[in-house]
C-alpha atoms as a PDB file:
ATOM      1  CA  MET A   1      16.098 -18.821  12.971  1.00  0.00           C
ATOM      2  CA  ASN A   2      16.946 -15.147  12.713  1.00  0.00           C
ATOM      3  CA  SER A   3      15.227 -11.957  11.736  1.00  0.00           C
ATOM      4  CA  GLU A   4      16.703 -12.091   8.299  1.00  0.00           C
ATOM      5  CA  THR A   5      15.332 -15.414   7.465  1.00  0.00           C
ATOM      6  CA  LEU A   6      11.856 -14.502   8.880  1.00  0.00           C
ATOM      7  CA  TYR A   7      11.658 -11.466   6.927  1.00  0.00           C
ATOM      8  CA  GLN A   8      12.735 -13.408   3.921  1.00  0.00           C
ATOM      9  CA  PHE A   9       9.903 -15.696   4.865  1.00  0.00           C
ATOM     10  CA  LEU A  10       7.549 -12.896   4.835  1.00  0.00           C
ATOM     11  CA  GLU A  11       8.500 -11.743   1.504  1.00  0.00           C
ATOM     12  CA  VAL A  12       7.777 -15.391  -0.032  1.00  0.00           C
ATOM     13  CA  ALA A  13       4.680 -15.192   1.642  1.00  0.00           C
ATOM     14  CA  GLN A  14       3.758 -11.928   0.235  1.00  0.00           C
ATOM     15  CA  GLU A  15       4.603 -12.667  -3.331  1.00  0.00           C
ATOM     16  CA  GLY A  16       3.168 -16.322  -3.105  1.00  0.00           C
ATOM     17  CA  SER A  17       6.399 -17.442  -5.485  1.00  0.00           C
ATOM     18  CA  ILE A  18       9.749 -18.283  -4.298  1.00  0.00           C
ATOM     19  CA  SER A  19      11.270 -17.093  -7.609  1.00  0.00           C
ATOM     20  CA  ALA A  20       9.345 -13.456  -7.394  1.00  0.00           C
ATOM     21  CA  ALA A  21      10.625 -13.055  -3.819  1.00  0.00           C
ATOM     22  CA  SER A  22      14.194 -14.046  -4.759  1.00  0.00           C
ATOM     23  CA  ARG A  23      13.919 -11.216  -7.597  1.00  0.00           C
ATOM     24  CA  LYS A  24      12.597  -8.625  -5.053  1.00  0.00           C
ATOM     25  CA  LEU A  25      15.199  -9.594  -2.264  1.00  0.00           C
ATOM     26  CA  MET A  26      18.009 -10.035  -5.052  1.00  0.00           C
ATOM     27  CA  ILE A  27      18.924 -13.589  -3.717  1.00  0.00           C
ATOM     28  CA  ALA A  28      19.565 -16.570  -5.949  1.00  0.00           C
ATOM     29  CA  GLN A  29      16.032 -18.691  -5.990  1.00  0.00           C
ATOM     30  CA  PRO A  30      18.077 -21.842  -5.168  1.00  0.00           C
ATOM     31  CA  ALA A  31      19.573 -20.002  -2.053  1.00  0.00           C
ATOM     32  CA  LEU A  32      16.436 -18.695  -0.958  1.00  0.00           C
ATOM     33  CA  SER A  33      14.569 -22.135  -1.640  1.00  0.00           C
ATOM     34  CA  LYS A  34      17.103 -23.635   0.714  1.00  0.00           C
ATOM     35  CA  ARG A  35      16.783 -21.143   3.397  1.00  0.00           C
ATOM     36  CA  MET A  36      13.079 -21.810   3.576  1.00  0.00           C
ATOM     37  CA  GLN A  37      13.578 -25.430   3.835  1.00  0.00           C
ATOM     38  CA  ALA A  38      16.025 -25.178   6.324  1.00  0.00           C
ATOM     39  CA  LEU A  39      13.345 -22.987   8.328  1.00  0.00           C
ATOM     40  CA  GLU A  40      10.868 -25.808   8.047  1.00  0.00           C
ATOM     41  CA  ARG A  41      13.534 -28.373   9.504  1.00  0.00           C
ATOM     42  CA  GLU A  42      14.440 -25.997  12.270  1.00  0.00           C
ATOM     43  CA  LEU A  43      10.805 -25.341  13.334  1.00  0.00           C
ATOM     44  CA  GLY A  44       9.567 -28.959  12.830  1.00  0.00           C
ATOM     45  CA  CYS A  45       6.525 -28.251  10.497  1.00  0.00           C
ATOM     46  CA  THR A  46       5.496 -27.392   7.069  1.00  0.00           C
ATOM     47  CA  LEU A  47       5.144 -23.944   6.452  1.00  0.00           C
ATOM     48  CA  PHE A  48       4.232 -23.898   2.514  1.00  0.00           C
ATOM     49  CA  ILE A  49       2.140 -25.832   0.195  1.00  0.00           C
ATOM     50  CA  ARG A  50       4.118 -25.994  -2.946  1.00  0.00           C
ATOM     51  CA  GLY A  51       2.438 -25.776  -6.267  1.00  0.00           C
ATOM     52  CA  SER A  52       3.984 -26.043  -9.935  1.00  0.00           C
ATOM     53  CA  ARG A  53       4.595 -22.271 -10.067  1.00  0.00           C
ATOM     54  CA  ARG A  54       3.212 -20.716  -6.688  1.00  0.00           C
ATOM     55  CA  VAL A  55       3.220 -21.467  -2.916  1.00  0.00           C
ATOM     56  CA  SER A  56       0.719 -20.898  -0.214  1.00  0.00           C
ATOM     57  CA  LEU A  57       0.993 -21.112   3.346  1.00  0.00           C
ATOM     58  CA  THR A  58      -0.180 -23.932   5.731  1.00  0.00           C
ATOM     59  CA  GLU A  59      -2.075 -23.172   8.950  1.00  0.00           C
ATOM     60  CA  ALA A  60       1.666 -22.853  10.677  1.00  0.00           C
ATOM     61  CA  GLY A  61       2.834 -20.785   7.946  1.00  0.00           C
ATOM     62  CA  GLU A  62      -0.177 -18.228   8.237  1.00  0.00           C
ATOM     63  CA  ALA A  63       0.900 -18.234  12.301  1.00  0.00           C
ATOM     64  CA  LEU A  64       4.302 -17.523  11.495  1.00  0.00           C
ATOM     65  CA  ARG A  65       3.639 -14.742   9.220  1.00  0.00           C
ATOM     66  CA  GLU A  66       1.506 -13.055  11.704  1.00  0.00           C
ATOM     67  CA  ARG A  67       4.249 -13.325  14.502  1.00  0.00           C
ATOM     68  CA  ALA A  68       7.050 -12.360  12.000  1.00  0.00           C
ATOM     69  CA  GLY A  69       5.050  -9.366  11.174  1.00  0.00           C
ATOM     70  CA  GLN A  70       4.895  -8.440  14.809  1.00  0.00           C
ATOM     71  CA  MET A  71       8.534  -8.762  14.832  1.00  0.00           C
ATOM     72  CA  ARG A  72       9.213  -6.578  11.898  1.00  0.00           C
ATOM     73  CA  LEU A  73       6.952  -4.003  13.369  1.00  0.00           C
ATOM     74  CA  LEU A  74       8.658  -4.075  16.799  1.00  0.00           C
ATOM     75  CA  GLU A  75      12.217  -3.707  15.230  1.00  0.00           C
ATOM     76  CA  MET A  76      10.812  -0.946  13.355  1.00  0.00           C
ATOM     77  CA  SER A  77       9.737   0.829  16.207  1.00  0.00           C
ATOM     78  CA  ILE A  78      12.843   0.074  17.988  1.00  0.00           C
ATOM     79  CA  ARG A  79      14.975   1.555  15.071  1.00  0.00           C
ATOM     80  CA  SER A  80      12.705   4.680  14.932  1.00  0.00           C
ATOM     81  CA  GLN A  81      13.092   5.341  18.380  1.00  0.00           C
ATOM     82  CA  MET A  82      16.600   5.126  18.588  1.00  0.00           C
ATOM     83  CA  ARG A  83      16.912   7.538  15.528  1.00  0.00           C
ATOM     84  CA  GLU A  84      15.297   9.889  17.483  1.00  0.00           C
ATOM     85  CA  TYR A  85      17.659   9.820  20.264  1.00  0.00           C
ATOM     86  CA  SER A  86      20.430  10.016  17.756  1.00  0.00           C
ATOM     87  CA  GLU A  87      19.122  13.100  15.992  1.00  0.00           C
ATOM     88  CA  GLY A  88      18.942  15.145  19.104  1.00  0.00           C
ATOM     89  CA  ASP A  89      17.050  18.395  19.084  1.00  0.00           C
ATOM     90  CA  SER A  90      16.341  18.124  15.522  1.00  0.00           C
ATOM     91  CA  GLN A  91      12.895  18.072  14.092  1.00  0.00           C
ATOM     92  CA  LEU A  92      11.829  14.384  13.250  1.00  0.00           C
ATOM     93  CA  MET A  93       8.678  12.954  11.978  1.00  0.00           C
ATOM     94  CA  ARG A  94       7.608   9.616  11.134  1.00  0.00           C
ATOM     95  CA  LEU A  95       4.860   9.063   8.662  1.00  0.00           C
ATOM     96  CA  GLY A  96       3.238   6.065   7.342  1.00  0.00           C
ATOM     97  CA  ILE A  97       1.599   6.221   4.046  1.00  0.00           C
ATOM     98  CA  THR A  98      -0.051   3.847   1.371  1.00  0.00           C
ATOM     99  CA  PRO A  99       1.511   3.747  -2.359  1.00  0.00           C
ATOM    100  CA  TYR A 100      -1.285   4.862  -3.829  1.00  0.00           C
ATOM    101  CA  ASN A 101      -1.270   8.046  -1.682  1.00  0.00           C
ATOM    102  CA  SER A 102       2.528   8.683  -1.879  1.00  0.00           C
ATOM    103  CA  SER A 103       2.420   8.668  -5.749  1.00  0.00           C
ATOM    104  CA  VAL A 104       0.999  12.224  -5.859  1.00  0.00           C
ATOM    105  CA  LEU A 105      -0.276  13.321  -2.355  1.00  0.00           C
ATOM    106  CA  LEU A 106       3.108  13.217  -0.833  1.00  0.00           C
ATOM    107  CA  ARG A 107       4.597  15.982  -2.722  1.00  0.00           C
ATOM    108  CA  PRO A 108       2.470  18.966  -2.008  1.00  0.00           C
ATOM    109  CA  VAL A 109       2.327  17.831   1.772  1.00  0.00           C
ATOM    110  CA  MET A 110       5.949  17.777   2.062  1.00  0.00           C
ATOM    111  CA  GLU A 111       6.514  20.780   0.079  1.00  0.00           C
ATOM    112  CA  ARG A 112       4.553  22.960   2.683  1.00  0.00           C
ATOM    113  CA  LEU A 113       5.805  20.977   5.732  1.00  0.00           C
ATOM    114  CA  GLY A 114       9.349  21.599   4.615  1.00  0.00           C
ATOM    115  CA  LYS A 115       8.847  25.532   4.229  1.00  0.00           C
ATOM    116  CA  LYS A 116       7.588  25.431   8.194  1.00  0.00           C
ATOM    117  CA  TYR A 117      10.279  23.154   9.259  1.00  0.00           C
ATOM    118  CA  PRO A 118      13.496  23.687   7.159  1.00  0.00           C
ATOM    119  CA  ASN A 119      15.507  21.319   9.175  1.00  0.00           C
ATOM    120  CA  ILE A 120      12.927  18.662   9.665  1.00  0.00           C
ATOM    121  CA  HIS A 121      13.970  14.926   9.340  1.00  0.00           C
ATOM    122  CA  LEU A 122      11.405  12.547   7.630  1.00  0.00           C
ATOM    123  CA  ASP A 123      11.111   8.978   8.263  1.00  0.00           C
ATOM    124  CA  ILE A 124       8.600   7.841   5.617  1.00  0.00           C
ATOM    125  CA  MET A 125       7.440   4.241   5.358  1.00  0.00           C
ATOM    126  CA  GLU A 126       5.143   3.046   2.524  1.00  0.00           C
ATOM    127  CA  PHE A 127       2.827   0.059   3.274  1.00  0.00           C
ATOM    128  CA  PRO A 128      -0.834  -0.938   2.660  1.00  0.00           C
ATOM    129  CA  THR A 129      -3.608   0.673   4.526  1.00  0.00           C
ATOM    130  CA  GLN A 130      -3.858  -2.004   7.374  1.00  0.00           C
ATOM    131  CA  GLU A 131      -0.321  -2.066   8.038  1.00  0.00           C
ATOM    132  CA  VAL A 132      -0.216   1.654   8.344  1.00  0.00           C
ATOM    133  CA  LEU A 133      -2.726   1.550  10.978  1.00  0.00           C
ATOM    134  CA  ASP A 134      -0.978  -1.132  12.758  1.00  0.00           C
ATOM    135  CA  MET A 135       2.245   1.219  12.720  1.00  0.00           C
ATOM    136  CA  VAL A 136       0.167   4.173  14.036  1.00  0.00           C
ATOM    137  CA  LYS A 137      -1.233   1.884  16.984  1.00  0.00           C
ATOM    138  CA  ALA A 138       2.192   0.555  17.881  1.00  0.00           C
ATOM    139  CA  GLY A 139       3.788   4.057  17.723  1.00  0.00           C
ATOM    140  CA  ILE A 140       6.204   3.128  15.091  1.00  0.00           C
ATOM    141  CA  VAL A 141       4.825   6.036  13.008  1.00  0.00           C
ATOM    142  CA  GLU A 142       2.963   9.116  14.564  1.00  0.00           C
ATOM    143  CA  ALA A 143       0.753   9.694  11.641  1.00  0.00           C
ATOM    144  CA  GLY A 144      -0.522   7.744   8.396  1.00  0.00           C
ATOM    145  CA  ILE A 145      -1.963   8.598   5.162  1.00  0.00           C
ATOM    146  CA  VAL A 146      -4.292   5.538   4.095  1.00  0.00           C
ATOM    147  CA  LYS A 147      -6.252   4.898   1.254  1.00  0.00           C
ATOM    148  CA  THR A 148      -8.732   1.891   1.544  1.00  0.00           C
ATOM    149  CA  ARG A 149     -11.867   1.800   3.642  1.00  0.00           C
ATOM    150  CA  PHE A 150     -11.020   0.759   7.226  1.00  0.00           C
ATOM    151  CA  SER A 151     -12.036   0.192  10.847  1.00  0.00           C
ATOM    152  CA  GLY A 152      -9.421   2.001  12.793  1.00  0.00           C
ATOM    153  CA  GLY A 153     -10.728   1.154  16.400  1.00  0.00           C
ATOM    154  CA  PRO A 154     -11.358   3.568  19.445  1.00  0.00           C
ATOM    155  CA  ASP A 155      -7.592   4.555  19.608  1.00  0.00           C
ATOM    156  CA  ILE A 156      -7.320   5.952  16.096  1.00  0.00           C
ATOM    157  CA  GLU A 157      -8.525   9.552  15.434  1.00  0.00           C
ATOM    158  CA  VAL A 158      -9.310  10.556  11.755  1.00  0.00           C
ATOM    159  CA  HIS A 159      -8.274  14.145  11.106  1.00  0.00           C
ATOM    160  CA  CYS A 160      -9.176  14.747   7.626  1.00  0.00           C
ATOM    161  CA  ARG A 161     -10.214  13.138   4.328  1.00  0.00           C
ATOM    162  CA  ILE A 162      -9.704  13.925   0.784  1.00  0.00           C
ATOM    163  CA  LYS A 163     -12.002  12.404  -2.122  1.00  0.00           C
ATOM    164  CA  ASP A 164      -9.688  10.576  -4.435  1.00  0.00           C
ATOM    165  CA  PRO A 165     -11.557   7.529  -5.729  1.00  0.00           C
ATOM    166  CA  LEU A 166     -10.229   4.631  -7.764  1.00  0.00           C
ATOM    167  CA  MET A 167     -10.966   4.544 -11.429  1.00  0.00           C
ATOM    168  CA  ALA A 168     -10.725   2.290 -14.399  1.00  0.00           C
ATOM    169  CA  VAL A 169      -8.353   3.683 -16.844  1.00  0.00           C
ATOM    170  CA  TRP A 170      -7.807   2.526 -20.295  1.00  0.00           C
ATOM    171  CA  HIS A 171      -6.146   3.677 -23.600  1.00  0.00           C
ATOM    172  CA  PRO A 172      -8.906   4.928 -26.232  1.00  0.00           C
ATOM    173  CA  ASP A 173      -7.515   2.287 -28.648  1.00  0.00           C
ATOM    174  CA  PHE A 174      -7.690  -0.428 -26.053  1.00  0.00           C
ATOM    175  CA  PRO A 175     -11.092  -2.921 -26.733  1.00  0.00           C
ATOM    176  CA  PHE A 176     -12.929  -1.652 -23.434  1.00  0.00           C
ATOM    177  CA  LYS A 177     -16.196  -0.026 -23.447  1.00  0.00           C
ATOM    178  CA  PRO A 178     -18.105   0.370 -20.119  1.00  0.00           C
ATOM    179  CA  LYS A 179     -21.955  -0.050 -20.384  1.00  0.00           C
ATOM    180  CA  GLY A 180     -22.664   3.416 -18.757  1.00  0.00           C
ATOM    181  CA  LYS A 181     -21.403   6.560 -17.118  1.00  0.00           C
ATOM    182  CA  LYS A 182     -19.964   4.332 -14.407  1.00  0.00           C
ATOM    183  CA  VAL A 183     -18.454   0.830 -14.588  1.00  0.00           C
ATOM    184  CA  SER A 184     -19.139  -2.173 -12.333  1.00  0.00           C
ATOM    185  CA  LEU A 185     -16.430  -4.226 -11.011  1.00  0.00           C
ATOM    186  CA  ARG A 186     -17.911  -7.121 -12.781  1.00  0.00           C
ATOM    187  CA  GLU A 187     -17.417  -5.551 -16.178  1.00  0.00           C
ATOM    188  CA  LEU A 188     -13.608  -6.166 -15.705  1.00  0.00           C
ATOM    189  CA  GLU A 189     -13.992  -9.871 -15.680  1.00  0.00           C
ATOM    190  CA  GLY A 190     -11.643 -11.218 -18.033  1.00  0.00           C
ATOM    191  CA  MET A 191      -9.909  -7.861 -18.893  1.00  0.00           C
ATOM    192  CA  PRO A 192      -5.922  -7.730 -18.397  1.00  0.00           C
ATOM    193  CA  LEU A 193      -5.626  -5.561 -15.339  1.00  0.00           C
ATOM    194  CA  SER A 194      -2.580  -3.487 -14.168  1.00  0.00           C
ATOM    195  CA  ILE A 195      -2.611  -2.635 -10.499  1.00  0.00           C
ATOM    196  CA  ILE A 196      -0.490  -1.664  -7.672  1.00  0.00           C
ATOM    197  CA  ARG A 197       0.688  -4.288  -5.132  1.00  0.00           C
ATOM    198  CA  SER A 198      -0.699  -3.106  -2.107  1.00  0.00           C
ATOM    199  CA  PHE A 199      -4.203  -3.303  -3.777  1.00  0.00           C
ATOM    200  CA  TYR A 200      -3.503  -6.796  -4.932  1.00  0.00           C
ATOM    201  CA  ASP A 201      -5.459  -8.859  -2.067  1.00  0.00           C
ATOM    202  CA  LEU A 202      -8.214  -6.212  -1.906  1.00  0.00           C
ATOM    203  CA  LEU A 203      -8.960  -6.375  -5.411  1.00  0.00           C
ATOM    204  CA  LYS A 204      -8.851 -10.308  -5.325  1.00  0.00           C
ATOM    205  CA  GLY A 205     -11.403  -9.928  -2.285  1.00  0.00           C
ATOM    206  CA  TYR A 206     -13.702  -7.726  -4.118  1.00  0.00           C
ATOM    207  CA  CYS A 207     -13.862  -9.724  -7.108  1.00  0.00           C
ATOM    208  CA  ALA A 208     -14.518 -12.923  -5.194  1.00  0.00           C
ATOM    209  CA  GLN A 209     -17.648 -11.038  -3.881  1.00  0.00           C
ATOM    210  CA  GLU A 210     -18.630 -10.656  -7.418  1.00  0.00           C
ATOM    211  CA  GLU A 211     -18.058 -14.457  -8.185  1.00  0.00           C
ATOM    212  CA  PHE A 212     -15.004 -14.015 -10.443  1.00  0.00           C
ATOM    213  CA  THR A 213     -11.129 -14.267 -10.362  1.00  0.00           C
ATOM    214  CA  PRO A 214      -9.621 -11.008 -11.921  1.00  0.00           C
ATOM    215  CA  ASN A 215      -6.971 -11.268 -14.790  1.00  0.00           C
ATOM    216  CA  ILE A 216      -4.052  -9.316 -13.288  1.00  0.00           C
ATOM    217  CA  VAL A 217      -1.141  -9.169 -15.938  1.00  0.00           C
ATOM    218  CA  CYS A 218       0.691  -6.549 -13.993  1.00  0.00           C
ATOM    219  CA  VAL A 219       1.642  -5.907 -10.318  1.00  0.00           C
ATOM    220  CA  SER A 220       3.980  -2.901  -9.332  1.00  0.00           C
ATOM    221  CA  THR A 221       4.863  -1.005  -6.451  1.00  0.00           C
ATOM    222  CA  SER A 222       4.591   2.223  -8.820  1.00  0.00           C
ATOM    223  CA  VAL A 223       1.438   3.653 -10.088  1.00  0.00           C
ATOM    224  CA  SER A 224       3.442   5.134 -12.987  1.00  0.00           C
ATOM    225  CA  THR A 225       4.424   1.588 -13.951  1.00  0.00           C
ATOM    226  CA  ASN A 226       0.969   0.380 -13.879  1.00  0.00           C
ATOM    227  CA  LEU A 227      -0.444   3.287 -15.983  1.00  0.00           C
ATOM    228  CA  MET A 228       2.740   3.065 -18.540  1.00  0.00           C
ATOM    229  CA  LEU A 229       1.308  -0.605 -19.307  1.00  0.00           C
ATOM    230  CA  VAL A 230      -2.192   1.261 -19.948  1.00  0.00           C
ATOM    231  CA  SER A 231      -0.656   3.710 -22.057  1.00  0.00           C
ATOM    232  CA  LEU A 232       0.905   0.757 -24.035  1.00  0.00           C
ATOM    233  CA  LYS A 233      -2.563  -0.645 -24.708  1.00  0.00           C
ATOM    234  CA  LYS A 234      -1.967  -3.828 -22.741  1.00  0.00           C
ATOM    235  CA  ALA A 235      -4.125  -3.564 -19.923  1.00  0.00           C
ATOM    236  CA  VAL A 236      -6.948  -1.630 -18.065  1.00  0.00           C
ATOM    237  CA  GLY A 237      -5.446  -0.027 -15.079  1.00  0.00           C
ATOM    238  CA  ILE A 238      -6.931   0.800 -11.808  1.00  0.00           C
ATOM    239  CA  ALA A 239      -5.629   4.230 -10.181  1.00  0.00           C
ATOM    240  CA  PRO A 240      -6.908   6.970  -8.013  1.00  0.00           C
ATOM    241  CA  VAL A 241      -8.083  10.088  -9.820  1.00  0.00           C
ATOM    242  CA  SER A 242      -5.047  12.028  -8.463  1.00  0.00           C
ATOM    243  CA  ALA A 243      -2.597   9.895 -10.330  1.00  0.00           C
ATOM    244  CA  LEU A 244      -4.095  10.697 -13.764  1.00  0.00           C
ATOM    245  CA  LYS A 245      -3.337  14.402 -14.162  1.00  0.00           C
ATOM    246  CA  GLY A 246      -0.401  13.481 -16.249  1.00  0.00           C
ATOM    247  CA  TYR A 247      -2.233  11.219 -18.367  1.00  0.00           C
ATOM    248  CA  PRO A 248      -4.710  13.416 -20.240  1.00  0.00           C
ATOM    249  CA  GLU A 249      -5.003  11.038 -23.378  1.00  0.00           C
ATOM    250  CA  LEU A 250      -6.255   8.081 -21.275  1.00  0.00           C
ATOM    251  CA  ARG A 251     -10.040   7.671 -20.525  1.00  0.00           C
ATOM    252  CA  ARG A 252     -11.281   6.954 -16.932  1.00  0.00           C
ATOM    253  CA  VAL A 253     -14.658   6.170 -15.525  1.00  0.00           C
ATOM    254  CA  CYS A 254     -15.579   5.866 -11.682  1.00  0.00           C
ATOM    255  CA  PHE A 255     -16.914   2.618 -10.179  1.00  0.00           C
ATOM    256  CA  ASN A 256     -20.339   1.804  -9.049  1.00  0.00           C
ATOM    257  CA  GLU A 257     -19.134   0.119  -6.103  1.00  0.00           C
ATOM    258  CA  TRP A 258     -19.004   2.607  -3.025  1.00  0.00           C
ATOM    259  CA  TYR A 259     -15.744   0.550  -1.664  1.00  0.00           C
ATOM    260  CA  MET A 260     -13.824   1.784  -4.809  1.00  0.00           C
ATOM    261  CA  ASP A 261     -14.550   5.159  -3.770  1.00  0.00           C
ATOM    262  CA  SER A 262     -12.060   5.542  -0.827  1.00  0.00           C
ATOM    263  CA  PRO A 263     -10.564   8.764   0.457  1.00  0.00           C
ATOM    264  CA  ALA A 264      -7.436   9.558   1.276  1.00  0.00           C
ATOM    265  CA  THR A 265      -7.490   9.860   4.997  1.00  0.00           C
ATOM    266  CA  LEU A 266      -5.137  11.435   7.431  1.00  0.00           C
ATOM    267  CA  VAL A 267      -4.931   9.629  11.001  1.00  0.00           C
ATOM    268  CA  THR A 268      -2.932   9.448  14.435  1.00  0.00           C
ATOM    269  CA  LEU A 269      -3.347   7.788  17.625  1.00  0.00           C
ATOM    270  CA  LYS A 270      -5.604   9.932  20.059  1.00  0.00           C
ATOM    271  CA  GLY A 271      -3.676  11.982  22.420  1.00  0.00           C
ATOM    272  CA  ARG A 272      -0.680  14.312  22.530  1.00  0.00           C
ATOM    273  CA  LEU A 273       1.002  15.219  19.213  1.00  0.00           C
ATOM    274  CA  SER A 274       4.347  16.616  18.261  1.00  0.00           C
ATOM    275  CA  MET A 275       4.194  20.000  16.694  1.00  0.00           C
ATOM    276  CA  PRO A 276       5.541  18.703  13.405  1.00  0.00           C
ATOM    277  CA  VAL A 277       2.167  16.444  13.321  1.00  0.00           C
ATOM    278  CA  ARG A 278      -0.135  19.245  14.106  1.00  0.00           C
ATOM    279  CA  SER A 279       1.337  21.454  11.310  1.00  0.00           C
ATOM    280  CA  LEU A 280       0.844  18.122   8.999  1.00  0.00           C
ATOM    281  CA  ILE A 281      -2.932  18.155  10.112  1.00  0.00           C
ATOM    282  CA  GLU A 282      -3.410  21.886   9.295  1.00  0.00           C
ATOM    283  CA  ILE A 283      -1.755  21.418   5.954  1.00  0.00           C
ATOM    284  CA  TYR A 284      -3.622  18.413   4.899  1.00  0.00           C
ATOM    285  CA  LYS A 285      -6.981  20.204   5.821  1.00  0.00           C
ATOM    286  CA  GLU A 286      -5.671  23.299   3.687  1.00  0.00           C
ATOM    287  CA  LEU A 287      -5.257  20.997   0.550  1.00  0.00           C
ATOM    288  CA  ALA A 288      -8.715  19.447   1.331  1.00  0.00           C
ATOM    289  CA  ASP A 289     -10.175  22.961   1.385  1.00  0.00           C
ATOM    290  CA  ASN A 290      -8.434  24.224  -1.690  1.00  0.00           C
ATOM    291  CA  ASN A 291      -9.515  21.217  -3.558  1.00  0.00           C
ATOM    292  CA  ASN A 292     -13.042  21.214  -2.266  1.00  0.00           C
ATOM    293  CA  GLY A 293     -12.522  18.253  -0.117  1.00  0.00           C
ATOM    294  CA  GLU A 294     -11.340  16.207  -3.379  1.00  0.00           C
ATOM    295  CA  PHE A 295      -8.609  15.874  -6.217  1.00  0.00           C
ATOM    296  CA  ALA A 296     -10.075  16.755  -9.338  1.00  0.00           C
END
């Protein structure tokens, strides 16, 4: 058992498929399958429930995913701290951000920050909301910009929110018509959906509350890829309003559900903050003020 094998295990657990994980890791599927089998033999327990196309985790597999995730965060923290020492006196800021936010919000933030700190070194990590919060708490990143609703706990300080609701998006020629000025999640039942990967588990959970399984036909790490499928009239997309400025031809509508109206929120640990992070907070607040607290 080594860190490489454990991280490969995490990818299989995340993808729910050895073939999908092998493509992402750029490893031959038979080789990755043998590594997972060898890991099970070494640990003396079954980690996967293998189906015809997908795999799920056993109770032991879930426990290993939690521990392996903690190890990955610890390794990232060590590497980040050592990078600070190697950079010497140069400015370094470590930022965690969700893929939804990085698609649009990151550029104006970095442009302003770069003008103030021309020699700044950036260490930017893209992860879903909960993982960004975990990295903030562990000190792996100094600040996080998260998207979905969260409970950060007493150690997390919220500095600013920019309203950026998730919207249902479709091509005018695609056969989809909401019943009203807003759309309910239940209206998407049976519709082919195109979403970003970090939203996959959350959407499945939201739909389970409405007692249906979403028909997800495209999952990608890029919002632009998801919207490309929408532009090709193949699916209804779910994307933040900030990502839709370059797609005037697409129709869009807000959701009725309150949890789909999630702001882009800047968070840090409570306590002492570096000067670049203080500047980041000021820049973020300026962006919110200039946009009346929202993306339009």
